[in-house]
Protein backbone atom coordinates (compact mmCIF):
# COMPACT_ATOMS: atom_id res chain seq x y z
CA MET A 1 -1.83 31.31 13.53
CA LYS A 2 -3.93 32.84 10.77
CA ILE A 3 -6.19 30.31 9.03
CA GLU A 4 -7.35 31.50 5.63
CA LYS A 5 -9.76 28.65 4.96
CA ILE A 6 -10.44 24.95 5.34
CA ALA A 7 -8.80 23.36 2.32
CA CYS A 8 -10.26 19.86 2.65
CA VAL A 9 -11.97 17.44 4.99
CA VAL A 10 -11.10 13.75 4.69
CA ILE A 11 -13.73 11.27 5.90
CA GLY A 12 -12.88 7.60 6.36
CA VAL A 13 -15.68 5.27 5.28
CA LYS A 14 -16.14 1.53 4.96
CA ASP A 15 -18.38 1.56 1.87
CA LEU A 16 -17.39 4.18 -0.71
CA ASP A 17 -20.53 3.84 -2.84
CA ARG A 18 -22.89 4.09 0.13
CA ALA A 19 -20.99 7.07 1.56
CA THR A 20 -20.89 8.81 -1.83
CA LYS A 21 -24.67 8.57 -2.11
CA PHE A 22 -25.18 9.73 1.47
CA PHE A 23 -22.89 12.78 1.24
CA SER A 24 -24.08 13.65 -2.29
CA ASP A 25 -27.67 13.71 -1.03
CA LEU A 26 -26.74 15.49 2.20
CA PHE A 27 -24.61 18.27 0.68
CA GLY A 28 -25.98 18.34 -2.87
CA THR A 29 -22.54 17.77 -4.32
CA LYS A 30 -21.01 15.46 -6.91
CA PHE A 31 -17.94 13.34 -6.34
CA SER A 32 -15.19 12.57 -8.84
CA ARG A 33 -14.16 9.18 -10.08
CA ASP A 34 -12.16 6.88 -7.81
CA LEU A 35 -8.60 7.96 -7.12
CA PRO A 36 -6.55 4.90 -6.12
CA SER A 37 -3.39 5.33 -4.08
CA GLY A 38 -1.63 2.04 -4.69
CA GLU A 39 -2.39 -1.66 -4.44
CA GLN A 40 -3.25 -1.73 -0.71
CA GLY A 41 -3.79 2.01 -0.20
CA PRO A 42 -7.19 3.57 0.27
CA VAL A 43 -9.41 4.60 -2.62
CA SER A 44 -10.80 8.12 -2.51
CA ARG A 45 -13.41 10.32 -4.13
CA ILE A 46 -13.28 14.12 -3.94
CA ASP A 47 -16.00 16.67 -4.51
CA SER A 48 -15.62 20.24 -5.76
CA VAL A 49 -15.73 21.86 -2.32
CA GLY A 50 -12.99 19.75 -0.72
CA ILE A 51 -14.76 16.80 0.87
CA GLU A 52 -12.78 13.62 0.30
CA LEU A 53 -14.19 10.18 1.05
CA VAL A 54 -11.56 7.52 1.69
CA ALA A 55 -12.22 3.77 1.86
CA PRO A 56 -10.12 0.60 1.92
CA PRO A 57 -9.85 -1.22 -1.43
CA THR A 58 -10.46 -4.59 0.25
CA PRO A 59 -11.57 -5.78 3.71
CA GLU A 60 -8.01 -7.00 4.35
CA ALA A 61 -6.24 -3.75 3.39
CA PRO A 62 -4.31 -1.85 6.07
CA PHE A 63 -6.79 1.05 6.02
CA ALA A 64 -9.62 -1.40 6.79
CA LYS A 65 -7.84 -2.17 10.06
CA VAL A 66 -7.63 1.55 10.85
CA LEU A 67 -11.38 1.92 10.31
CA LYS A 68 -12.08 -1.15 12.43
CA HIS A 69 -10.04 0.32 15.28
CA ARG A 70 -11.07 4.01 14.97
CA GLY A 71 -14.42 3.77 13.20
CA GLU A 72 -15.75 5.83 10.33
CA GLY A 73 -15.57 9.61 10.50
CA ILE A 74 -13.37 12.64 9.97
CA MET A 75 -9.75 11.57 9.60
CA MET A 76 -8.14 14.86 8.66
CA VAL A 77 -8.88 18.54 8.20
CA GLY A 78 -6.55 20.41 5.85
CA LEU A 79 -6.07 24.10 6.64
CA LYS A 80 -4.72 26.87 4.44
CA VAL A 81 -2.59 29.15 6.61
CA THR A 82 -0.72 32.36 5.86
CA ASN A 83 2.62 31.03 7.16
CA LEU A 84 3.16 27.28 7.39
CA ASP A 85 6.31 27.40 9.52
CA GLU A 86 4.64 29.70 12.08
CA ALA A 87 1.51 27.54 12.14
CA ILE A 88 3.54 24.37 12.77
CA ALA A 89 5.56 26.04 15.52
CA GLU A 90 2.42 27.37 17.22
CA MET A 91 0.62 24.04 17.08
CA GLN A 92 3.65 22.19 18.44
CA SER A 93 4.03 24.74 21.26
CA LYS A 94 0.43 24.00 22.23
CA GLY A 95 0.96 20.24 22.31
CA VAL A 96 -0.57 19.31 18.97
CA ARG A 97 0.99 16.12 17.64
CA LEU A 98 1.81 16.44 13.97
CA LEU A 99 1.92 13.44 11.66
CA GLU A 100 4.43 13.29 8.84
């Protein structure tokens, strides 16, 4: 599989404002406005290099339960590949579980 670049990194956080300040200071980047994904879906902020912070909209939201179980941290890494079908087949042949 030929990876051309990392397209994005999604980081799950409990407190979006606190995480925005931390990662802005750490990487010297600016994050966009909040991007909601529905009533109970997570709220996200993206910077210009592909870092996306994702947080639950309320403490009772489904994503809050995910964070409670898994903790804060990297949730997903998006890769740009030269051939998606080949990349999927190779990852599956090596036992990587793909989520749809």
